[in-house]
Amino acid sequence: MLHSHKIEGFAPQNEVEAALAVQMACTHAAAMSVLAKLENGQGPVDRAVRLASAAARLLRAFTMQFETYRRLRHGGDQYVRVEHVHISEGGQAVIGNVQSQETRGEQPGAKLVTGDDPEEGAR
């Protein structure tokens, strides 16, 4: 039984994403079917081991498929830039992308009003 709502949930944008969504839905359904056959650990141990192994392989495949889908949708390159900044007592720091006035298109000497200072609005 194919669960079309699972495929629709991926909102595939092209044929490749649609095919991958179908594969993922089938893999997930197969893994859940195998897990349901475990019967809460009842039955022969060797059967439980075989079923658990099959379920683990299916779930690993599903995880790999999901990662492939994510890379197709969002791109595969990611990086994190970490910089260490030391701030002395009483100092202040800004975290984020900082731009100069020229980069923002402001006139030199212009003041950025943030609303943090109650006297800014009165000026």
PDB file of N, CA and C in Angstrom:
ATOM      1  N   MET A   1       0.846  -1.167   0.000  1.00  0.00           N
ATOM      2  CA  MET A   1       0.000   0.000   0.000  1.00  0.00           C
ATOM      3  C   MET A   1       0.897   1.238   0.000  1.00  0.00           C
ATOM      4  N   LEU A   2       0.732   2.076  -1.012  1.00  0.00           N
ATOM      5  CA  LEU A   2       1.529   3.279  -1.159  1.00  0.00           C
ATOM      6  C   LEU A   2       0.819   4.442  -0.478  1.00  0.00           C
ATOM      7  N   HIS A   3       1.518   5.156   0.371  1.00  0.00           N
ATOM      8  CA  HIS A   3       0.946   6.264   1.122  1.00  0.00           C
ATOM      9  C   HIS A   3       1.197   7.563   0.355  1.00  0.00           C
ATOM     10  N   SER A   4       0.205   7.995  -0.422  1.00  0.00           N
ATOM     11  CA  SER A   4       0.389   9.172  -1.264  1.00  0.00           C
ATOM     12  C   SER A   4       0.569  10.440  -0.442  1.00  0.00           C
ATOM     13  N   HIS A   5       0.000  10.491   0.777  1.00  0.00           N
ATOM     14  CA  HIS A   5       0.174  11.690   1.594  1.00  0.00           C
ATOM     15  C   HIS A   5       1.628  11.887   2.007  1.00  0.00           C
ATOM     16  N   LYS A   6       2.377  10.802   2.143  1.00  0.00           N
ATOM     17  CA  LYS A   6       3.800  10.929   2.465  1.00  0.00           C
ATOM     18  C   LYS A   6       4.552  11.532   1.281  1.00  0.00           C
ATOM     19  N   ILE A   7       4.197  11.102   0.077  1.00  0.00           N
ATOM     20  CA  ILE A   7       4.849  11.624  -1.123  1.00  0.00           C
ATOM     21  C   ILE A   7       4.487  13.092  -1.310  1.00  0.00           C
ATOM     22  N   GLU A   8       3.224  13.432  -1.118  1.00  0.00           N
ATOM     23  CA  GLU A   8       2.790  14.821  -1.252  1.00  0.00           C
ATOM     24  C   GLU A   8       3.467  15.714  -0.215  1.00  0.00           C
ATOM     25  N   GLY A   9       3.750  15.160   0.947  1.00  0.00           N
ATOM     26  CA  GLY A   9       4.410  15.926   2.000  1.00  0.00           C
ATOM     27  C   GLY A   9       5.793  16.399   1.607  1.00  0.00           C
ATOM     28  N   PHE A  10       6.451  15.692   0.715  1.00  0.00           N
ATOM     29  CA  PHE A  10       7.767  16.113   0.244  1.00  0.00           C
ATOM     30  C   PHE A  10       7.666  17.243  -0.769  1.00  0.00           C
ATOM     31  N   ALA A  11       6.515  17.435  -1.351  1.00  0.00           N
ATOM     32  CA  ALA A  11       6.289  18.470  -2.369  1.00  0.00           C
ATOM     33  C   ALA A  11       7.405  18.456  -3.414  1.00  0.00           C
ATOM     34  N   PRO A  12       7.553  17.331  -4.125  1.00  0.00           N
ATOM     35  CA  PRO A  12       8.643  17.235  -5.103  1.00  0.00           C
ATOM     36  C   PRO A  12       8.523  18.319  -6.174  1.00  0.00           C
ATOM     37  N   GLN A  13       9.676  18.870  -6.554  1.00  0.00           N
ATOM     38  CA  GLN A  13       9.709  19.953  -7.525  1.00  0.00           C
ATOM     39  C   GLN A  13      10.090  19.494  -8.924  1.00  0.00           C
ATOM     40  N   ASN A  14      10.517  18.235  -9.062  1.00  0.00           N
ATOM     41  CA  ASN A  14      10.843  17.699 -10.379  1.00  0.00           C
ATOM     42  C   ASN A  14      10.716  16.177 -10.333  1.00  0.00           C
ATOM     43  N   GLU A  15      10.993  15.532 -11.456  1.00  0.00           N
ATOM     44  CA  GLU A  15      10.810  14.084 -11.554  1.00  0.00           C
ATOM     45  C   GLU A  15      11.768  13.310 -10.661  1.00  0.00           C
ATOM     46  N   VAL A  16      12.971  13.797 -10.508  1.00  0.00           N
ATOM     47  CA  VAL A  16      13.959  13.106  -9.672  1.00  0.00           C
ATOM     48  C   VAL A  16      13.512  13.130  -8.211  1.00  0.00           C
ATOM     49  N   GLU A  17      13.075  14.296  -7.735  1.00  0.00           N
ATOM     50  CA  GLU A  17      12.585  14.381  -6.362  1.00  0.00           C
ATOM     51  C   GLU A  17      11.336  13.527  -6.176  1.00  0.00           C
ATOM     52  N   ALA A  18      10.483  13.462  -7.188  1.00  0.00           N
ATOM     53  CA  ALA A  18       9.273  12.644  -7.096  1.00  0.00           C
ATOM     54  C   ALA A  18       9.632  11.159  -7.001  1.00  0.00           C
ATOM     55  N   ALA A  19      10.582  10.721  -7.818  1.00  0.00           N
ATOM     56  CA  ALA A  19      11.008   9.315  -7.781  1.00  0.00           C
ATOM     57  C   ALA A  19      11.625   8.977  -6.429  1.00  0.00           C
ATOM     58  N   LEU A  20      12.433   9.881  -5.908  1.00  0.00           N
ATOM     59  CA  LEU A  20      13.062   9.653  -4.603  1.00  0.00           C
ATOM     60  C   LEU A  20      12.012   9.632  -3.500  1.00  0.00           C
ATOM     61  N   ALA A  21      10.995  10.490  -3.598  1.00  0.00           N
ATOM     62  CA  ALA A  21       9.922  10.496  -2.601  1.00  0.00           C
ATOM     63  C   ALA A  21       9.154   9.179  -2.620  1.00  0.00           C
ATOM     64  N   VAL A  22       8.910   8.609  -3.804  1.00  0.00           N
ATOM     65  CA  VAL A  22       8.231   7.311  -3.909  1.00  0.00           C
ATOM     66  C   VAL A  22       9.097   6.218  -3.274  1.00  0.00           C
ATOM     67  N   GLN A  23      10.403   6.232  -3.578  1.00  0.00           N
ATOM     68  CA  GLN A  23      11.311   5.249  -2.982  1.00  0.00           C
ATOM     69  C   GLN A  23      11.320   5.360  -1.464  1.00  0.00           C
ATOM     70  N   MET A  24      11.334   6.588  -0.968  1.00  0.00           N
ATOM     71  CA  MET A  24      11.368   6.794   0.481  1.00  0.00           C
ATOM     72  C   MET A  24      10.080   6.300   1.132  1.00  0.00           C
ATOM     73  N   ALA A  25       8.940   6.557   0.497  1.00  0.00           N
ATOM     74  CA  ALA A  25       7.667   6.091   1.052  1.00  0.00           C
ATOM     75  C   ALA A  25       7.632   4.565   1.098  1.00  0.00           C
ATOM     76  N   CYS A  26       8.116   3.928   0.036  1.00  0.00           N
ATOM     77  CA  CYS A  26       8.144   2.463  -0.002  1.00  0.00           C
ATOM     78  C   CYS A  26       9.115   1.895   1.032  1.00  0.00           C
ATOM     79  N   THR A  27      10.283   2.500   1.167  1.00  0.00           N
ATOM     80  CA  THR A  27      11.272   2.046   2.146  1.00  0.00           C
ATOM     81  C   THR A  27      10.726   2.189   3.558  1.00  0.00           C
ATOM     82  N   HIS A  28      10.069   3.303   3.835  1.00  0.00           N
ATOM     83  CA  HIS A  28       9.494   3.522   5.161  1.00  0.00           C
ATOM     84  C   HIS A  28       8.400   2.496   5.444  1.00  0.00           C
ATOM     85  N   ALA A  29       7.530   2.248   4.478  1.00  0.00           N
ATOM     86  CA  ALA A  29       6.453   1.268   4.664  1.00  0.00           C
ATOM     87  C   ALA A  29       7.026  -0.129   4.904  1.00  0.00           C
ATOM     88  N   ALA A  30       8.077  -0.477   4.167  1.00  0.00           N
ATOM     89  CA  ALA A  30       8.702  -1.790   4.346  1.00  0.00           C
ATOM     90  C   ALA A  30       9.336  -1.909   5.729  1.00  0.00           C
ATOM     91  N   ALA A  31      10.013  -0.857   6.173  1.00  0.00           N
ATOM     92  CA  ALA A  31      10.644  -0.889   7.491  1.00  0.00           C
ATOM     93  C   ALA A  31       9.596  -1.037   8.592  1.00  0.00           C
ATOM     94  N   MET A  32       8.496  -0.322   8.481  1.00  0.00           N
ATOM     95  CA  MET A  32       7.435  -0.411   9.493  1.00  0.00           C
ATOM     96  C   MET A  32       6.789  -1.792   9.478  1.00  0.00           C
ATOM     97  N   SER A  33       6.664  -2.380   8.295  1.00  0.00           N
ATOM     98  CA  SER A  33       6.099  -3.726   8.186  1.00  0.00           C
ATOM     99  C   SER A  33       6.998  -4.755   8.866  1.00  0.00           C
ATOM    100  N   VAL A  34       8.293  -4.629   8.639  1.00  0.00           N
ATOM    101  CA  VAL A  34       9.245  -5.559   9.259  1.00  0.00           C
ATOM    102  C   VAL A  34       9.235  -5.375  10.777  1.00  0.00           C
ATOM    103  N   LEU A  35       9.204  -4.137  11.236  1.00  0.00           N
ATOM    104  CA  LEU A  35       9.183  -3.895  12.678  1.00  0.00           C
ATOM    105  C   LEU A  35       7.912  -4.440  13.320  1.00  0.00           C
ATOM    106  N   ALA A  36       6.801  -4.382  12.604  1.00  0.00           N
ATOM    107  CA  ALA A  36       5.533  -4.909  13.139  1.00  0.00           C
ATOM    108  C   ALA A  36       5.599  -6.424  13.306  1.00  0.00           C
ATOM    109  N   LYS A  37       6.407  -7.093  12.491  1.00  0.00           N
ATOM    110  CA  LYS A  37       6.527  -8.550  12.574  1.00  0.00           C
ATOM    111  C   LYS A  37       7.367  -9.016  13.760  1.00  0.00           C
ATOM    112  N   LEU A  38       8.009  -8.092  14.429  1.00  0.00           N
ATOM    113  CA  LEU A  38       8.823  -8.473  15.591  1.00  0.00           C
ATOM    114  C   LEU A  38       7.964  -8.968  16.750  1.00  0.00           C
ATOM    115  N   GLU A  39       6.709  -8.608  16.798  1.00  0.00           N
ATOM    116  CA  GLU A  39       5.762  -9.114  17.797  1.00  0.00           C
ATOM    117  C   GLU A  39       6.261  -8.900  19.225  1.00  0.00           C
ATOM    118  N   ASN A  40       6.752  -7.716  19.525  1.00  0.00           N
ATOM    119  CA  ASN A  40       7.208  -7.377  20.869  1.00  0.00           C
ATOM    120  C   ASN A  40       8.253  -8.344  21.419  1.00  0.00           C
ATOM    121  N   GLY A  41       9.098  -8.858  20.557  1.00  0.00           N
ATOM    122  CA  GLY A  41      10.173  -9.737  21.003  1.00  0.00           C
ATOM    123  C   GLY A  41       9.761 -11.174  21.251  1.00  0.00           C
ATOM    124  N   GLN A  42       8.518 -11.513  20.963  1.00  0.00           N
ATOM    125  CA  GLN A  42       8.050 -12.887  21.142  1.00  0.00           C
ATOM    126  C   GLN A  42       8.502 -13.726  19.951  1.00  0.00           C
ATOM    127  N   GLY A  43       8.645 -14.994  20.155  1.00  0.00           N
ATOM    128  CA  GLY A  43       9.031 -15.906  19.078  1.00  0.00           C
ATOM    129  C   GLY A  43      10.495 -16.258  19.146  1.00  0.00           C
ATOM    130  N   PRO A  44      10.943 -17.027  18.158  1.00  0.00           N
ATOM    131  CA  PRO A  44      12.344 -17.486  18.149  1.00  0.00           C
ATOM    132  C   PRO A  44      13.328 -16.316  18.060  1.00  0.00           C
ATOM    133  N   VAL A  45      14.433 -16.472  18.751  1.00  0.00           N
ATOM    134  CA  VAL A  45      15.443 -15.420  18.794  1.00  0.00           C
ATOM    135  C   VAL A  45      16.061 -15.193  17.420  1.00  0.00           C
ATOM    136  N   ASP A  46      16.352 -16.269  16.686  1.00  0.00           N
ATOM    137  CA  ASP A  46      16.990 -16.094  15.379  1.00  0.00           C
ATOM    138  C   ASP A  46      16.078 -15.327  14.406  1.00  0.00           C
ATOM    139  N   ARG A  47      14.761 -15.537  14.512  1.00  0.00           N
ATOM    140  CA  ARG A  47      13.812 -14.789  13.668  1.00  0.00           C
ATOM    141  C   ARG A  47      13.829 -13.310  14.054  1.00  0.00           C
ATOM    142  N   ALA A  48      13.854 -13.019  15.334  1.00  0.00           N
ATOM    143  CA  ALA A  48      13.898 -11.638  15.806  1.00  0.00           C
ATOM    144  C   ALA A  48      15.177 -10.950  15.348  1.00  0.00           C
ATOM    145  N   VAL A  49      16.288 -11.661  15.375  1.00  0.00           N
ATOM    146  CA  VAL A  49      17.567 -11.090  14.944  1.00  0.00           C
ATOM    147  C   VAL A  49      17.522 -10.775  13.457  1.00  0.00           C
ATOM    148  N   ARG A  50      16.980 -11.692  12.651  1.00  0.00           N
ATOM    149  CA  ARG A  50      16.876 -11.451  11.203  1.00  0.00           C
ATOM    150  C   ARG A  50      15.967 -10.264  10.907  1.00  0.00           C
ATOM    151  N   LEU A  51      14.833 -10.188  11.581  1.00  0.00           N
ATOM    152  CA  LEU A  51      13.908  -9.078  11.357  1.00  0.00           C
ATOM    153  C   LEU A  51      14.507  -7.747  11.804  1.00  0.00           C
ATOM    154  N   ALA A  52      15.170  -7.749  12.944  1.00  0.00           N
ATOM    155  CA  ALA A  52      15.796  -6.516  13.441  1.00  0.00           C
ATOM    156  C   ALA A  52      16.894  -6.046  12.490  1.00  0.00           C
ATOM    157  N   SER A  53      17.654  -7.002  11.953  1.00  0.00           N
ATOM    158  CA  SER A  53      18.705  -6.656  11.004  1.00  0.00           C
ATOM    159  C   SER A  53      18.114  -6.073   9.721  1.00  0.00           C
ATOM    160  N   ALA A  54      17.042  -6.681   9.235  1.00  0.00           N
ATOM    161  CA  ALA A  54      16.385  -6.173   8.026  1.00  0.00           C
ATOM    162  C   ALA A  54      15.816  -4.777   8.268  1.00  0.00           C
ATOM    163  N   ALA A  55      15.200  -4.574   9.429  1.00  0.00           N
ATOM    164  CA  ALA A  55      14.639  -3.262   9.759  1.00  0.00           C
ATOM    165  C   ALA A  55      15.747  -2.219   9.841  1.00  0.00           C
ATOM    166  N   ALA A  56      16.862  -2.574  10.437  1.00  0.00           N
ATOM    167  CA  ALA A  56      17.982  -1.633  10.560  1.00  0.00           C
ATOM    168  C   ALA A  56      18.510  -1.242   9.178  1.00  0.00           C
ATOM    169  N   ARG A  57      18.626  -2.205   8.269  1.00  0.00           N
ATOM    170  CA  ARG A  57      19.092  -1.903   6.912  1.00  0.00           C
ATOM    171  C   ARG A  57      18.109  -0.993   6.182  1.00  0.00           C
ATOM    172  N   LEU A  58      16.818  -1.266   6.342  1.00  0.00           N
ATOM    173  CA  LEU A  58      15.805  -0.432   5.691  1.00  0.00           C
ATOM    174  C   LEU A  58      15.813   0.996   6.255  1.00  0.00           C
ATOM    175  N   LEU A  59      15.924   1.110   7.556  1.00  0.00           N
ATOM    176  CA  LEU A  59      15.942   2.444   8.164  1.00  0.00           C
ATOM    177  C   LEU A  59      17.215   3.211   7.797  1.00  0.00           C
ATOM    178  N   ARG A  60      18.332   2.512   7.664  1.00  0.00           N
ATOM    179  CA  ARG A  60      19.569   3.145   7.209  1.00  0.00           C
ATOM    180  C   ARG A  60      19.412   3.633   5.775  1.00  0.00           C
ATOM    181  N   ALA A  61      18.773   2.812   4.937  1.00  0.00           N
ATOM    182  CA  ALA A  61      18.517   3.214   3.547  1.00  0.00           C
ATOM    183  C   ALA A  61      17.619   4.450   3.509  1.00  0.00           C
ATOM    184  N   PHE A  62      16.587   4.469   4.361  1.00  0.00           N
ATOM    185  CA  PHE A  62      15.689   5.620   4.412  1.00  0.00           C
ATOM    186  C   PHE A  62      16.450   6.879   4.810  1.00  0.00           C
ATOM    187  N   THR A  63      17.341   6.759   5.784  1.00  0.00           N
ATOM    188  CA  THR A  63      18.142   7.905   6.214  1.00  0.00           C
ATOM    189  C   THR A  63      19.022   8.406   5.080  1.00  0.00           C
ATOM    190  N   MET A  64      19.636   7.511   4.348  1.00  0.00           N
ATOM    191  CA  MET A  64      20.477   7.898   3.210  1.00  0.00           C
ATOM    192  C   MET A  64      19.629   8.554   2.118  1.00  0.00           C
ATOM    193  N   GLN A  65      18.440   8.022   1.877  1.00  0.00           N
ATOM    194  CA  GLN A  65      17.548   8.618   0.887  1.00  0.00           C
ATOM    195  C   GLN A  65      17.144  10.028   1.313  1.00  0.00           C
ATOM    196  N   PHE A  66      16.856  10.202   2.591  1.00  0.00           N
ATOM    197  CA  PHE A  66      16.455  11.514   3.088  1.00  0.00           C
ATOM    198  C   PHE A  66      17.591  12.514   2.934  1.00  0.00           C
ATOM    199  N   GLU A  67      18.806  12.097   3.227  1.00  0.00           N
ATOM    200  CA  GLU A  67      19.963  12.975   3.066  1.00  0.00           C
ATOM    201  C   GLU A  67      20.161  13.340   1.596  1.00  0.00           C
ATOM    202  N   THR A  68      19.962  12.390   0.701  1.00  0.00           N
ATOM    203  CA  THR A  68      20.044  12.671  -0.735  1.00  0.00           C
ATOM    204  C   THR A  68      18.985  13.681  -1.136  1.00  0.00           C
ATOM    205  N   TYR A  69      17.773  13.505  -0.638  1.00  0.00           N
ATOM    206  CA  TYR A  69      16.687  14.434  -0.933  1.00  0.00           C
ATOM    207  C   TYR A  69      17.027  15.839  -0.422  1.00  0.00           C
ATOM    208  N   ARG A  70      17.564  15.928   0.787  1.00  0.00           N
ATOM    209  CA  ARG A  70      17.938  17.227   1.349  1.00  0.00           C
ATOM    210  C   ARG A  70      19.005  17.902   0.498  1.00  0.00           C
ATOM    211  N   ARG A  71      19.985  17.138   0.053  1.00  0.00           N
ATOM    212  CA  ARG A  71      21.044  17.710  -0.787  1.00  0.00           C
ATOM    213  C   ARG A  71      20.511  18.158  -2.138  1.00  0.00           C
ATOM    214  N   LEU A  72      19.595  17.398  -2.704  1.00  0.00           N
ATOM    215  CA  LEU A  72      18.977  17.819  -3.969  1.00  0.00           C
ATOM    216  C   LEU A  72      18.228  19.130  -3.795  1.00  0.00           C
ATOM    217  N   ARG A  73      17.502  19.238  -2.715  1.00  0.00           N
ATOM    218  CA  ARG A  73      16.642  20.395  -2.480  1.00  0.00           C
ATOM    219  C   ARG A  73      17.431  21.629  -2.061  1.00  0.00           C
ATOM    220  N   HIS A  74      18.417  21.449  -1.190  1.00  0.00           N
ATOM    221  CA  HIS A  74      19.088  22.598  -0.587  1.00  0.00           C
ATOM    222  C   HIS A  74      20.558  22.748  -0.962  1.00  0.00           C
ATOM    223  N   GLY A  75      21.094  21.847  -1.705  1.00  0.00           N
ATOM    224  CA  GLY A  75      22.514  21.918  -2.039  1.00  0.00           C
ATOM    225  C   GLY A  75      23.336  21.145  -1.026  1.00  0.00           C
ATOM    226  N   GLY A  76      24.499  20.695  -1.436  1.00  0.00           N
ATOM    227  CA  GLY A  76      25.293  19.838  -0.575  1.00  0.00           C
ATOM    228  C   GLY A  76      26.391  20.542   0.197  1.00  0.00           C
ATOM    229  N   ASP A  77      26.688  21.787  -0.155  1.00  0.00           N
ATOM    230  CA  ASP A  77      27.799  22.468   0.496  1.00  0.00           C
ATOM    231  C   ASP A  77      27.319  23.250   1.710  1.00  0.00           C
ATOM    232  N   GLN A  78      27.937  22.968   2.823  1.00  0.00           N
ATOM    233  CA  GLN A  78      27.677  23.718   4.044  1.00  0.00           C
ATOM    234  C   GLN A  78      29.000  23.908   4.755  1.00  0.00           C
ATOM    235  N   TYR A  79      29.127  25.045   5.392  1.00  0.00           N
ATOM    236  CA  TYR A  79      30.297  25.243   6.214  1.00  0.00           C
ATOM    237  C   TYR A  79      29.929  26.132   7.383  1.00  0.00           C
ATOM    238  N   VAL A  80      30.696  26.005   8.441  1.00  0.00           N
ATOM    239  CA  VAL A  80      30.503  26.810   9.639  1.00  0.00           C
ATOM    240  C   VAL A  80      31.807  27.549   9.893  1.00  0.00           C
ATOM    241  N   ARG A  81      31.704  28.836  10.056  1.00  0.00           N
ATOM    242  CA  ARG A  81      32.885  29.656  10.330  1.00  0.00           C
ATOM    243  C   ARG A  81      32.865  30.020  11.805  1.00  0.00           C
ATOM    244  N   VAL A  82      33.927  29.672  12.509  1.00  0.00           N
ATOM    245  CA  VAL A  82      34.031  29.947  13.945  1.00  0.00           C
ATOM    246  C   VAL A  82      35.206  30.888  14.158  1.00  0.00           C
ATOM    247  N   GLU A  83      34.924  31.995  14.802  1.00  0.00           N
ATOM    248  CA  GLU A  83      35.979  32.941  15.144  1.00  0.00           C
ATOM    249  C   GLU A  83      35.920  33.198  16.641  1.00  0.00           C
ATOM    250  N   HIS A  84      37.072  33.281  17.245  1.00  0.00           N
ATOM    251  CA  HIS A  84      37.140  33.553  18.680  1.00  0.00           C
ATOM    252  C   HIS A  84      37.408  35.036  18.878  1.00  0.00           C
ATOM    253  N   VAL A  85      36.586  35.657  19.663  1.00  0.00           N
ATOM    254  CA  VAL A  85      36.721  37.083  19.946  1.00  0.00           C
ATOM    255  C   VAL A  85      36.824  37.242  21.461  1.00  0.00           C
ATOM    256  N   HIS A  86      37.782  38.023  21.899  1.00  0.00           N
ATOM    257  CA  HIS A  86      37.955  38.275  23.328  1.00  0.00           C
ATOM    258  C   HIS A  86      37.436  39.672  23.627  1.00  0.00           C
ATOM    259  N   ILE A  87      36.549  39.779  24.604  1.00  0.00           N
ATOM    260  CA  ILE A  87      35.940  41.045  24.971  1.00  0.00           C
ATOM    261  C   ILE A  87      36.357  41.364  26.398  1.00  0.00           C
ATOM    262  N   SER A  88      36.963  42.515  26.580  1.00  0.00           N
ATOM    263  CA  SER A  88      37.399  42.929  27.914  1.00  0.00           C
ATOM    264  C   SER A  88      36.194  43.357  28.734  1.00  0.00           C
ATOM    265  N   GLU A  89      36.376  43.393  30.046  1.00  0.00           N
ATOM    266  CA  GLU A  89      35.307  43.803  30.948  1.00  0.00           C
ATOM    267  C   GLU A  89      34.849  45.219  30.595  1.00  0.00           C
ATOM    268  N   GLY A  90      33.536  45.388  30.492  1.00  0.00           N
ATOM    269  CA  GLY A  90      32.967  46.684  30.131  1.00  0.00           C
ATOM    270  C   GLY A  90      32.877  46.898  28.632  1.00  0.00           C
ATOM    271  N   GLY A  91      33.407  45.973  27.859  1.00  0.00           N
ATOM    272  CA  GLY A  91      33.374  46.110  26.409  1.00  0.00           C
ATOM    273  C   GLY A  91      32.052  45.627  25.830  1.00  0.00           C
ATOM    274  N   GLN A  92      31.851  45.879  24.561  1.00  0.00           N
ATOM    275  CA  GLN A  92      30.648  45.433  23.862  1.00  0.00           C
ATOM    276  C   GLN A  92      31.073  44.721  22.597  1.00  0.00           C
ATOM    277  N   ALA A  93      30.195  43.836  22.119  1.00  0.00           N
ATOM    278  CA  ALA A  93      30.494  43.093  20.902  1.00  0.00           C
ATOM    279  C   ALA A  93      29.235  42.971  20.061  1.00  0.00           C
ATOM    280  N   VAL A  94      29.421  42.830  18.775  1.00  0.00           N
ATOM    281  CA  VAL A  94      28.325  42.612  17.841  1.00  0.00           C
ATOM    282  C   VAL A  94      28.560  41.257  17.199  1.00  0.00           C
ATOM    283  N   ILE A  95      27.518  40.434  17.174  1.00  0.00           N
ATOM    284  CA  ILE A  95      27.615  39.120  16.547  1.00  0.00           C
ATOM    285  C   ILE A  95      26.749  39.156  15.301  1.00  0.00           C
ATOM    286  N   GLY A  96      27.329  38.808  14.185  1.00  0.00           N
ATOM    287  CA  GLY A  96      26.586  38.803  12.930  1.00  0.00           C
ATOM    288  C   GLY A  96      27.384  39.490  11.839  1.00  0.00           C
ATOM    289  N   ASN A  97      26.723  39.757  10.711  1.00  0.00           N
ATOM    290  CA  ASN A  97      27.361  40.442   9.601  1.00  0.00           C
ATOM    291  C   ASN A  97      27.328  41.939   9.860  1.00  0.00           C
ATOM    292  N   VAL A  98      28.493  42.534   9.958  1.00  0.00           N
ATOM    293  CA  VAL A  98      28.598  43.960  10.232  1.00  0.00           C
ATOM    294  C   VAL A  98      28.993  44.648   8.935  1.00  0.00           C
ATOM    295  N   GLN A  99      28.250  45.717   8.595  1.00  0.00           N
ATOM    296  CA  GLN A  99      28.519  46.454   7.364  1.00  0.00           C
ATOM    297  C   GLN A  99      28.861  47.896   7.702  1.00  0.00           C
ATOM    298  N   SER A 100      29.726  48.475   6.904  1.00  0.00           N
ATOM    299  CA  SER A 100      30.060  49.883   7.093  1.00  0.00           C
ATOM    300  C   SER A 100      28.928  50.750   6.563  1.00  0.00           C
ATOM    301  N   GLN A 101      28.966  52.041   6.855  1.00  0.00           N
ATOM    302  CA  GLN A 101      27.935  52.949   6.364  1.00  0.00           C
ATOM    303  C   GLN A 101      27.912  52.979   4.843  1.00  0.00           C
ATOM    304  N   GLU A 102      29.077  52.915   4.217  1.00  0.00           N
ATOM    305  CA  GLU A 102      29.141  52.946   2.756  1.00  0.00           C
ATOM    306  C   GLU A 102      28.484  51.704   2.160  1.00  0.00           C
ATOM    307  N   THR A 103      28.670  50.548   2.806  1.00  0.00           N
ATOM    308  CA  THR A 103      28.081  49.302   2.324  1.00  0.00           C
ATOM    309  C   THR A 103      26.563  49.344   2.422  1.00  0.00           C
ATOM    310  N   ARG A 104      26.053  49.982   3.495  1.00  0.00           N
ATOM    311  CA  ARG A 104      24.610  50.079   3.674  1.00  0.00           C
ATOM    312  C   ARG A 104      24.005  51.198   2.847  1.00  0.00           C
ATOM    313  N   GLY A 105      24.820  52.063   2.264  1.00  0.00           N
ATOM    314  CA  GLY A 105      24.319  53.161   1.458  1.00  0.00           C
ATOM    315  C   GLY A 105      23.933  54.382   2.270  1.00  0.00           C
ATOM    316  N   GLU A 106      24.474  54.521   3.486  1.00  0.00           N
ATOM    317  CA  GLU A 106      24.150  55.657   4.338  1.00  0.00           C
ATOM    318  C   GLU A 106      25.148  56.780   4.124  1.00  0.00           C
ATOM    319  N   GLN A 107      24.743  57.944   4.485  1.00  0.00           N
ATOM    320  CA  GLN A 107      25.620  59.109   4.448  1.00  0.00           C
ATOM    321  C   GLN A 107      26.552  59.047   5.651  1.00  0.00           C
ATOM    322  N   PRO A 108      27.792  59.457   5.500  1.00  0.00           N
ATOM    323  CA  PRO A 108      28.685  59.511   6.656  1.00  0.00           C
ATOM    324  C   PRO A 108      28.088  60.418   7.726  1.00  0.00           C
ATOM    325  N   GLY A 109      28.176  59.975   8.962  1.00  0.00           N
ATOM    326  CA  GLY A 109      27.640  60.742  10.073  1.00  0.00           C
ATOM    327  C   GLY A 109      26.189  60.414  10.383  1.00  0.00           C
ATOM    328  N   ALA A 110      25.533  59.585   9.561  1.00  0.00           N
ATOM    329  CA  ALA A 110      24.146  59.208   9.825  1.00  0.00           C
ATOM    330  C   ALA A 110      24.112  58.282  11.022  1.00  0.00           C
ATOM    331  N   LYS A 111      23.002  58.329  11.774  1.00  0.00           N
ATOM    332  CA  LYS A 111      22.883  57.508  12.967  1.00  0.00           C
ATOM    333  C   LYS A 111      21.800  56.456  12.739  1.00  0.00           C
ATOM    334  N   LEU A 112      22.077  55.233  13.127  1.00  0.00           N
ATOM    335  CA  LEU A 112      21.113  54.146  13.028  1.00  0.00           C
ATOM    336  C   LEU A 112      20.230  54.175  14.260  1.00  0.00           C
ATOM    337  N   VAL A 113      18.928  54.362  14.081  1.00  0.00           N
ATOM    338  CA  VAL A 113      17.984  54.400  15.192  1.00  0.00           C
ATOM    339  C   VAL A 113      17.452  52.995  15.403  1.00  0.00           C
ATOM    340  N   THR A 114      17.684  52.450  16.607  1.00  0.00           N
ATOM    341  CA  THR A 114      17.292  51.073  16.885  1.00  0.00           C
ATOM    342  C   THR A 114      16.069  50.961  17.765  1.00  0.00           C
ATOM    343  N   GLY A 115      15.708  52.048  18.459  1.00  0.00           N
ATOM    344  CA  GLY A 115      14.593  51.983  19.373  1.00  0.00           C
ATOM    345  C   GLY A 115      14.980  51.526  20.767  1.00  0.00           C
ATOM    346  N   ASP A 116      16.274  51.243  20.976  1.00  0.00           N
ATOM    347  CA  ASP A 116      16.745  50.814  22.295  1.00  0.00           C
ATOM    348  C   ASP A 116      16.879  51.988  23.255  1.00  0.00           C
ATOM    349  N   ASP A 117      17.169  53.161  22.705  1.00  0.00           N
ATOM    350  CA  ASP A 117      17.375  54.358  23.538  1.00  0.00           C
ATOM    351  C   ASP A 117      16.079  55.178  23.544  1.00  0.00           C
ATOM    352  N   PRO A 118      15.454  55.403  24.716  1.00  0.00           N
ATOM    353  CA  PRO A 118      14.179  56.134  24.752  1.00  0.00           C
ATOM    354  C   PRO A 118      14.314  57.575  24.260  1.00  0.00           C
ATOM    355  N   GLU A 119      15.519  58.151  24.312  1.00  0.00           N
ATOM    356  CA  GLU A 119      15.696  59.518  23.870  1.00  0.00           C
ATOM    357  C   GLU A 119      15.839  59.624  22.360  1.00  0.00           C
ATOM    358  N   GLU A 120      16.132  58.504  21.658  1.00  0.00           N
ATOM    359  CA  GLU A 120      16.302  58.545  20.204  1.00  0.00           C
ATOM    360  C   GLU A 120      15.028  58.997  19.498  1.00  0.00           C
ATOM    361  N   GLY A 121      13.889  58.497  19.946  1.00  0.00           N
ATOM    362  CA  GLY A 121      12.631  58.833  19.303  1.00  0.00           C
ATOM    363  C   GLY A 121      12.238  60.281  19.522  1.00  0.00           C
ATOM    364  N   ALA A 122      12.751  60.912  20.585  1.00  0.00           N
ATOM    365  CA  ALA A 122      12.391  62.280  20.912  1.00  0.00           C
ATOM    366  C   ALA A 122      13.154  63.286  20.065  1.00  0.00           C
ATOM    367  N   ARG A 123      14.233  62.857  19.435  1.00  0.00           N
ATOM    368  CA  ARG A 123      15.064  63.781  18.644  1.00  0.00           C
ATOM    369  C   ARG A 123      14.498  64.046  17.290  1.00  0.00           C
TER     370      ARG A 123
END
